[in-house]
Amino acid sequence: MQKFHKSKQIFLSVCSMTMVISAGCVQQKPLEKLGLITTSGYDLEGKNQIKGTAVVQKFDPMTESATKVITSVAKTSKGIRQQANLQSNQKLVTGQLRSVVYSRELAKKGIIQLVDTLNRDSGIGNMVYLTIADKSASEIMEIETNNKGRLNLGTYMYNLIKQNVEGEQIISPTLHEFNHNYYDIGKDPVLPILKVKNNDVIISGVGLFKGDRLVDELKQGDLFYLKILIDKYKAGTKEMGYTTDQLKKIIIKNENYTKKPIFSKIYVSIDNIQSKTKIELVDKKNLRFRVDVDLDSRVLEMTEALDLGKPASVKFLENKLDTSMKKRIEGLLLRFKELEIDPIGLGNEYEAHLRGKPITQEEWDRKYKDATFDVNVKNTIERTGVID
């Protein structure tokens, strides 16, 4: 028994020495010696050059500012990194990169070259958010300078996008999703557009891509319908506006309510929206798609008193919602077809009916021009006027 304990002690001593030696072989990277790039932006600069702007998180207790903005110009993103390192006393690394901004001008010409660089960098995860600047990326990056280092723009932008994705306001714009939609024949990417407003960064809309080129954008009013077509709603919110004549049948005539409405329209806010959309190819030869949208929701707010205590009145409002949403969805689908873009993935649905036969992008582009759509929307109002 004593021999066994002695052998065990020798074994543990050897293991401990091995661990110490192994730890000494690992390359140490103290945070004080690293500059962590948290967000970066790219703009076209003259002919055949790109301007890169990076917000760098610094861990130097001797400096007042925790962040620094570095701008450099080169022909490639790697060249930009090399030039940026010449302006930093800490080695710049991308392990904490959370978001990337491309200028509108650059996005119109194509961003796949710069996106591919992200794919080839082992230090960058595929959950980095990709965005488009309403004007220039450097304008977005200057917010950090204007706030004198009190704002970590990388963290702010990441949280801005993350909470709007989780709040079901926009489609998730990760590097992984961009790659999937770009390389998948029969679907095109979408990315949020960022805008500077009152020395702050906001999401002003969503950019629509043809491959890797920005071709159009949707403003906030249409983001709801894009989300319905691409993804499911679990708890969304939407405001709908109607003229007095459209809803006069269910307006409560009561002296206790305002005789002169504040707004020229009646606005109805619905929330807790749960949606289910089914897109089906019903005629392969003539490329006709059936789009069925089912929504369950509750009425949260009205700018004028509506009599929703009667089932007939609720049904009346449901029909109004059906008609309005159907018209907007049909308009959106036709707009996509005219732009020859497919953010919905109709090409995937068509290819699924080819029994394993692959389709080229050129073939799908030719077919897509003849596509027609039968849109059906069914709203069900589960609750009215009650707030938990």
Protein backbone atom coordinates (compact mmCIF):
# COMPACT_ATOMS: atom_id res chain seq x y z
CA MET A 1 0.00 0.00 0.00
CA GLN A 2 2.86 2.37 0.84
CA LYS A 3 4.49 1.60 -2.53
CA PHE A 4 1.23 2.51 -4.27
CA HIS A 5 1.04 5.89 -2.52
CA LYS A 6 4.67 6.64 -3.40
CA SER A 7 4.09 5.83 -7.06
CA LYS A 8 1.03 8.03 -7.05
CA GLN A 9 3.02 10.94 -5.61
CA ILE A 10 5.70 10.57 -8.29
CA PHE A 11 3.01 10.47 -11.02
CA LEU A 12 1.34 13.65 -9.74
CA SER A 13 4.70 15.44 -9.48
CA VAL A 14 5.54 14.60 -13.10
CA CYS A 15 2.10 15.78 -14.27
CA SER A 16 2.51 19.06 -12.39
CA MET A 17 5.94 19.68 -13.93
CA THR A 18 4.54 18.87 -17.40
CA MET A 19 1.72 21.36 -16.96
CA VAL A 20 4.15 24.08 -15.85
CA ILE A 21 6.44 23.45 -18.82
CA SER A 22 3.47 23.35 -21.23
CA ALA A 23 2.09 26.61 -19.86
CA GLY A 24 5.49 28.21 -20.41
CA CYS A 25 5.37 27.19 -24.08
CA VAL A 26 2.03 28.93 -24.77
CA GLN A 27 2.40 32.38 -26.28
CA GLN A 28 1.12 34.87 -23.74
CA LYS A 29 -0.92 37.87 -24.93
CA PRO A 30 -1.49 40.30 -22.05
CA LEU A 31 -4.46 42.59 -22.69
CA GLU A 32 -2.26 45.61 -21.93
CA LYS A 33 -0.31 44.86 -25.10
CA LEU A 34 -3.35 44.40 -27.36
CA GLY A 35 -5.73 46.81 -29.06
CA LEU A 36 -9.09 45.09 -29.52
CA ILE A 37 -10.92 46.19 -32.66
CA THR A 38 -14.62 46.22 -31.70
CA THR A 39 -16.07 47.73 -34.87
CA SER A 40 -14.68 48.71 -38.26
CA GLY A 41 -15.89 50.68 -41.26
CA TYR A 42 -14.95 50.77 -44.94
CA ASP A 43 -15.27 53.56 -47.52
CA LEU A 44 -14.05 54.00 -51.07
CA GLU A 45 -11.12 56.41 -51.16
CA GLY A 46 -10.16 57.75 -54.55
CA LYS A 47 -9.28 55.24 -57.25
CA ASN A 48 -8.58 51.62 -56.28
CA GLN A 49 -8.22 52.42 -52.58
CA ILE A 50 -10.26 51.75 -49.47
CA LYS A 51 -10.35 53.80 -46.29
CA GLY A 52 -10.70 51.76 -43.15
CA THR A 53 -11.78 53.15 -39.80
CA ALA A 54 -11.50 51.06 -36.65
CA VAL A 55 -12.68 51.64 -33.10
CA VAL A 56 -10.08 50.11 -30.80
CA GLN A 57 -10.64 49.15 -27.17
CA LYS A 58 -7.52 49.86 -25.12
CA PHE A 59 -6.57 48.42 -21.74
CA ASP A 60 -3.96 50.98 -20.73
CA PRO A 61 -4.50 52.49 -17.24
CA MET A 62 -2.21 55.40 -18.16
CA THR A 63 -4.63 56.78 -20.77
CA GLU A 64 -7.81 58.75 -20.11
CA SER A 65 -9.76 57.30 -23.01
CA ALA A 66 -10.62 53.62 -23.14
CA THR A 67 -11.12 53.70 -26.92
CA LYS A 68 -9.31 55.10 -29.92
CA VAL A 69 -10.36 55.63 -33.54
CA ILE A 70 -7.75 54.75 -36.16
CA THR A 71 -8.10 55.58 -39.86
CA SER A 72 -5.89 54.20 -42.62
CA VAL A 73 -5.95 53.83 -46.39
CA ALA A 74 -4.83 50.88 -48.51
CA LYS A 75 -5.92 48.66 -51.39
CA THR A 76 -6.97 45.68 -49.25
CA SER A 77 -8.33 45.16 -45.74
CA LYS A 78 -5.07 43.46 -44.72
CA GLY A 79 -3.17 46.47 -45.96
CA ILE A 80 -5.48 48.68 -43.91
CA ARG A 81 -4.65 46.61 -40.81
CA GLN A 82 -0.92 46.99 -41.44
CA GLN A 83 -1.24 50.75 -41.82
CA ALA A 84 -3.40 50.94 -38.69
CA ASN A 85 -0.80 49.05 -36.65
CA LEU A 86 1.72 51.77 -37.49
CA GLN A 87 -0.57 54.18 -35.65
CA SER A 88 -0.99 52.10 -32.51
CA ASN A 89 1.30 51.29 -29.60
CA GLN A 90 -0.61 48.05 -29.12
CA LYS A 91 -0.97 45.16 -31.53
CA LEU A 92 -4.38 45.32 -33.18
CA VAL A 93 -6.42 42.10 -33.07
CA THR A 94 -9.90 41.23 -34.36
CA GLY A 95 -10.99 38.68 -31.77
CA GLN A 96 -13.54 41.11 -30.29
CA LEU A 97 -14.88 42.47 -33.60
CA ARG A 98 -18.64 42.76 -33.20
CA SER A 99 -19.85 44.78 -36.18
CA VAL A 100 -18.69 46.00 -39.59
CA VAL A 101 -20.03 49.00 -41.51
CA TYR A 102 -19.78 49.42 -45.30
CA SER A 103 -20.50 52.78 -46.96
CA ARG A 104 -23.47 53.05 -49.29
CA GLU A 105 -21.15 53.87 -52.19
CA LEU A 106 -19.06 50.77 -51.53
CA ALA A 107 -22.11 48.56 -51.05
CA LYS A 108 -23.49 49.61 -54.43
CA LYS A 109 -20.31 48.37 -56.11
CA GLY A 110 -20.13 45.11 -54.14
CA ILE A 111 -18.78 44.03 -50.75
CA ILE A 112 -17.96 40.33 -51.21
CA GLN A 113 -14.20 41.00 -51.40
CA LEU A 114 -14.26 42.57 -47.94
CA VAL A 115 -16.71 40.02 -46.55
CA ASP A 116 -14.48 37.21 -47.80
CA THR A 117 -11.62 38.70 -45.77
CA LEU A 118 -13.73 38.28 -42.64
CA ASN A 119 -14.35 34.65 -43.58
CA ARG A 120 -10.61 34.00 -43.89
CA ASP A 121 -9.73 35.55 -40.52
CA SER A 122 -9.74 32.76 -37.94
CA GLY A 123 -10.00 35.31 -35.13
CA ILE A 124 -13.40 36.56 -36.34
CA GLY A 125 -16.54 34.62 -35.46
CA ASN A 126 -19.41 34.16 -37.89
CA MET A 127 -21.83 36.03 -35.58
CA VAL A 128 -20.33 39.45 -36.41
CA TYR A 129 -23.03 41.87 -37.55
CA LEU A 130 -22.73 43.37 -41.06
CA THR A 131 -24.34 46.76 -41.72
CA ILE A 132 -24.55 49.51 -44.33
CA ALA A 133 -24.00 53.21 -43.64
CA ASP A 134 -26.64 55.58 -44.97
CA LYS A 135 -23.76 57.74 -46.20
CA SER A 136 -20.16 56.99 -45.27
CA ALA A 137 -18.86 54.48 -42.76
CA SER A 138 -16.41 57.04 -41.40
CA GLU A 139 -19.36 59.27 -40.43
CA ILE A 140 -20.64 56.45 -38.23
CA MET A 141 -17.18 55.87 -36.74
CA GLU A 142 -16.80 59.58 -35.90
CA ILE A 143 -19.55 59.21 -33.31
CA GLU A 144 -16.90 57.62 -31.10
CA THR A 145 -14.64 60.68 -31.45
CA ASN A 146 -17.51 63.12 -30.93
CA ASN A 147 -18.34 61.42 -27.64
CA LYS A 148 -14.69 61.78 -26.56
CA GLY A 149 -14.25 58.12 -25.77
CA ARG A 150 -17.18 57.97 -23.35
CA LEU A 151 -19.02 55.65 -25.73
CA ASN A 152 -17.71 52.29 -26.86
CA LEU A 153 -19.22 52.38 -30.33
CA GLY A 154 -18.51 48.70 -30.97
CA THR A 155 -20.54 47.61 -27.96
CA TYR A 156 -23.25 50.19 -28.62
CA MET A 157 -23.78 49.14 -32.25
CA TYR A 158 -23.75 45.47 -31.33
CA ASN A 159 -26.44 46.03 -28.70
CA LEU A 160 -28.41 48.30 -31.06
CA ILE A 161 -28.67 45.56 -33.66
CA LYS A 162 -29.02 42.69 -31.19
CA GLN A 163 -31.98 44.15 -29.30
CA ASN A 164 -33.77 45.03 -32.56
CA VAL A 165 -33.23 41.49 -33.87
CA GLU A 166 -34.54 40.06 -30.60
CA GLY A 167 -37.41 42.59 -30.66
CA GLU A 168 -38.26 41.32 -34.17
CA GLN A 169 -37.77 44.71 -35.80
CA ILE A 170 -35.11 43.60 -38.30
CA ILE A 171 -33.74 40.41 -39.86
CA SER A 172 -30.57 39.11 -38.19
CA PRO A 173 -27.57 40.39 -40.25
CA THR A 174 -24.76 38.10 -39.09
CA LEU A 175 -21.79 37.15 -41.23
CA HIS A 176 -23.07 33.56 -41.24
CA GLU A 177 -26.48 34.58 -42.59
CA PHE A 178 -25.00 36.89 -45.23
CA ASN A 179 -22.77 34.06 -46.49
CA HIS A 180 -25.67 31.62 -46.55
CA ASN A 181 -27.93 33.97 -48.53
CA TYR A 182 -25.17 35.16 -50.87
CA TYR A 183 -23.87 31.73 -51.87
CA ASP A 184 -27.30 30.08 -51.94
CA ILE A 185 -28.82 30.27 -55.44
CA GLY A 186 -32.38 31.47 -55.09
CA LYS A 187 -31.98 33.94 -52.22
CA ASP A 188 -30.38 37.37 -51.72
CA PRO A 189 -29.04 39.04 -48.54
CA VAL A 190 -30.53 41.96 -46.61
CA LEU A 191 -28.59 44.18 -44.18
CA PRO A 192 -29.66 47.02 -41.84
CA ILE A 193 -28.84 50.60 -42.80
CA LEU A 194 -27.35 52.83 -40.09
CA LYS A 195 -27.79 56.57 -39.98
CA VAL A 196 -26.36 59.36 -37.82
CA LYS A 197 -29.07 61.39 -36.08
CA ASN A 198 -28.41 63.96 -33.35
CA ASN A 199 -24.90 62.61 -32.78
CA ASP A 200 -26.26 59.11 -32.35
CA VAL A 201 -26.55 56.01 -34.52
CA ILE A 202 -29.98 54.66 -35.47
CA ILE A 203 -31.35 52.01 -37.81
CA SER A 204 -33.12 53.83 -40.65
CA GLY A 205 -34.08 50.88 -42.84
CA VAL A 206 -32.90 47.70 -44.51
CA GLY A 207 -30.71 47.41 -47.59
CA LEU A 208 -31.76 44.99 -50.35
CA PHE A 209 -29.00 43.18 -52.21
CA LYS A 210 -28.62 41.58 -55.60
CA GLY A 211 -25.78 39.20 -54.83
CA ASP A 212 -23.29 41.40 -52.99
CA ARG A 213 -24.50 44.72 -54.45
CA LEU A 214 -26.91 47.10 -52.72
CA VAL A 215 -29.74 47.88 -55.15
CA ASP A 216 -32.53 49.33 -53.01
CA GLU A 217 -33.70 49.83 -49.45
CA LEU A 218 -36.83 49.43 -47.38
CA LYS A 219 -37.88 52.10 -44.92
CA GLN A 220 -39.22 51.29 -41.49
CA GLY A 221 -42.85 50.94 -42.60
CA ASP A 222 -42.05 47.97 -44.85
CA LEU A 223 -39.76 46.10 -42.45
CA PHE A 224 -42.79 44.47 -40.82
CA TYR A 225 -43.87 42.90 -44.11
CA LEU A 226 -40.36 41.79 -45.00
CA LYS A 227 -40.12 40.04 -41.64
CA ILE A 228 -43.48 38.33 -42.23
CA LEU A 229 -42.32 36.94 -45.56
CA ILE A 230 -38.83 35.85 -44.46
CA ASP A 231 -39.36 34.75 -40.88
CA LYS A 232 -41.96 34.12 -38.19
CA TYR A 233 -43.16 36.69 -35.71
CA LYS A 234 -43.35 35.54 -32.12
CA ALA A 235 -44.34 38.80 -30.43
CA GLY A 236 -44.26 41.65 -32.94
CA THR A 237 -45.92 45.07 -33.00
CA LYS A 238 -47.47 47.09 -35.83
CA GLU A 239 -49.34 50.39 -36.26
CA MET A 240 -52.03 50.55 -38.95
CA GLY A 241 -53.62 53.79 -40.18
CA TYR A 242 -57.13 54.21 -41.60
CA THR A 243 -59.33 57.12 -42.67
CA THR A 244 -62.43 57.92 -40.66
CA ASP A 245 -64.61 56.69 -43.53
CA GLN A 246 -62.90 53.30 -43.54
CA LEU A 247 -63.74 52.68 -39.87
CA LYS A 248 -66.84 54.82 -39.36
CA LYS A 249 -68.98 51.68 -39.02
CA ILE A 250 -67.32 50.80 -35.69
CA ILE A 251 -66.50 54.27 -34.30
CA ILE A 252 -68.14 54.87 -30.91
CA LYS A 253 -70.36 57.97 -31.00
CA ASN A 254 -70.02 59.21 -27.44
CA GLU A 255 -69.76 62.76 -26.12
CA ASN A 256 -67.17 61.66 -23.58
CA TYR A 257 -64.67 61.13 -26.39
CA THR A 258 -62.89 63.90 -28.26
CA LYS A 259 -65.05 65.37 -31.01
CA LYS A 260 -62.00 66.66 -32.90
CA PRO A 261 -59.44 63.87 -33.29
CA ILE A 262 -55.78 64.75 -32.85
CA PHE A 263 -54.78 62.92 -36.03
CA SER A 264 -56.20 63.07 -39.54
CA LYS A 265 -56.29 59.25 -39.51
CA ILE A 266 -57.31 56.63 -37.01
CA TYR A 267 -54.33 54.55 -35.90
CA VAL A 268 -54.67 51.09 -34.45
CA SER A 269 -51.71 49.49 -32.70
CA ILE A 270 -51.62 45.70 -32.55
CA ASP A 271 -49.04 43.70 -30.66
CA ASN A 272 -48.11 40.22 -29.46
CA ILE A 273 -48.28 39.37 -33.15
CA GLN A 274 -47.62 35.76 -33.91
CA SER A 275 -47.35 34.97 -37.60
CA LYS A 276 -47.05 31.93 -39.80
CA THR A 277 -46.32 32.25 -43.51
CA LYS A 278 -46.46 29.45 -46.03
CA ILE A 279 -45.08 30.03 -49.53
CA GLU A 280 -45.91 27.28 -52.00
CA LEU A 281 -45.24 26.83 -55.71
CA VAL A 282 -48.66 25.89 -57.08
CA ASP A 283 -47.85 26.06 -60.80
CA LYS A 284 -44.29 25.13 -61.76
CA LYS A 285 -44.76 25.72 -65.48
CA ASN A 286 -46.14 29.25 -65.12
CA LEU A 287 -44.23 29.95 -61.89
CA ARG A 288 -47.20 30.89 -59.74
CA PHE A 289 -46.72 31.08 -55.98
CA ARG A 290 -49.35 30.99 -53.27
CA VAL A 291 -48.50 33.04 -50.18
CA ASP A 292 -50.62 32.35 -47.08
CA VAL A 293 -50.10 34.60 -44.06
CA ASP A 294 -51.83 33.90 -40.75
CA LEU A 295 -51.52 36.37 -37.86
CA ASP A 296 -52.79 36.23 -34.27
CA SER A 297 -52.66 39.48 -32.30
CA ARG A 298 -54.34 41.77 -29.80
CA VAL A 299 -55.41 45.39 -30.12
CA LEU A 300 -53.20 47.42 -27.82
CA GLU A 301 -54.14 51.03 -28.59
CA MET A 302 -56.47 53.13 -30.74
CA THR A 303 -56.33 56.88 -31.40
CA GLU A 304 -60.14 56.97 -31.53
CA ALA A 305 -62.68 54.91 -29.62
CA LEU A 306 -63.76 51.84 -31.60
CA ASP A 307 -66.57 49.55 -30.58
CA LEU A 308 -64.70 46.28 -30.30
CA GLY A 309 -67.00 44.76 -27.70
CA LYS A 310 -69.05 43.08 -30.42
CA PRO A 311 -67.80 40.05 -32.40
CA ALA A 312 -69.09 41.64 -35.62
CA SER A 313 -66.99 44.76 -35.00
CA VAL A 314 -63.87 42.70 -34.31
CA LYS A 315 -64.48 40.76 -37.53
CA PHE A 316 -64.89 44.04 -39.40
CA LEU A 317 -61.50 45.28 -38.13
CA GLU A 318 -59.88 41.92 -38.97
CA ASN A 319 -61.09 42.24 -42.56
CA LYS A 320 -59.67 45.77 -42.78
CA LEU A 321 -56.31 44.50 -41.53
CA ASP A 322 -56.43 41.62 -44.03
CA THR A 323 -57.05 43.96 -46.95
CA SER A 324 -54.36 46.48 -45.96
CA MET A 325 -51.67 43.87 -45.30
CA LYS A 326 -52.45 41.92 -48.47
CA LYS A 327 -52.02 45.05 -50.57
CA ARG A 328 -48.66 45.89 -48.96
CA ILE A 329 -47.33 42.34 -49.29
CA GLU A 330 -48.37 42.12 -52.95
CA GLY A 331 -46.66 45.45 -53.63
CA LEU A 332 -43.50 44.27 -51.92
CA LEU A 333 -43.35 41.01 -53.91
CA LEU A 334 -43.82 42.86 -57.20
CA ARG A 335 -41.14 45.35 -56.20
CA PHE A 336 -38.70 42.54 -55.53
CA LYS A 337 -39.48 41.00 -58.92
CA GLU A 338 -38.93 44.30 -60.74
CA LEU A 339 -35.58 44.70 -58.99
CA GLU A 340 -34.73 41.08 -59.87
CA ILE A 341 -33.88 40.33 -56.24
CA ASP A 342 -35.10 37.45 -54.12
CA PRO A 343 -34.73 38.11 -50.37
CA ILE A 344 -37.67 35.79 -49.66
CA GLY A 345 -36.06 32.67 -51.11
CA LEU A 346 -38.62 31.92 -53.83
CA GLY A 347 -35.82 30.36 -55.87
CA ASN A 348 -35.30 27.80 -53.10
CA GLU A 349 -38.97 26.87 -53.23
CA TYR A 350 -38.81 26.49 -57.02
CA GLU A 351 -35.64 24.37 -56.89
CA ALA A 352 -37.26 22.07 -54.32
CA HIS A 353 -39.74 21.02 -57.04
CA LEU A 354 -37.01 20.08 -59.52
CA ARG A 355 -36.42 16.71 -57.80
CA GLY A 356 -32.76 17.24 -57.04
CA LYS A 357 -31.88 18.93 -60.33
CA PRO A 358 -29.68 21.98 -59.58
CA ILE A 359 -30.52 25.37 -61.03
CA THR A 360 -28.07 28.09 -62.01
CA GLN A 361 -28.47 31.73 -61.00
CA GLU A 362 -28.96 32.70 -64.65
CA GLU A 363 -31.75 30.15 -65.07
CA TRP A 364 -33.53 31.37 -61.97
CA ASP A 365 -33.20 35.03 -63.04
CA ARG A 366 -34.92 34.21 -66.34
CA LYS A 367 -37.72 32.28 -64.67
CA TYR A 368 -38.24 34.83 -61.91
CA LYS A 369 -39.35 37.50 -64.38
CA ASP A 370 -42.54 35.52 -65.06
CA ALA A 371 -43.48 34.86 -61.43
CA THR A 372 -47.01 35.67 -60.21
CA PHE A 373 -48.35 35.66 -56.66
CA ASP A 374 -51.63 34.76 -54.97
CA VAL A 375 -51.52 36.41 -51.55
CA ASN A 376 -53.94 35.51 -48.77
CA VAL A 377 -53.85 37.20 -45.35
CA LYS A 378 -55.92 36.14 -42.35
CA ASN A 379 -55.83 38.18 -39.12
CA THR A 380 -57.29 36.88 -35.88
CA ILE A 381 -57.66 39.35 -33.02
CA GLU A 382 -57.45 37.32 -29.84
CA ARG A 383 -57.91 40.19 -27.37
CA THR A 384 -59.00 43.82 -27.51
CA GLY A 385 -58.19 46.69 -25.22
CA VAL A 386 -56.74 44.70 -22.34
CA ILE A 387 -53.14 45.26 -21.23
CA ASP A 388 -51.47 42.76 -18.92
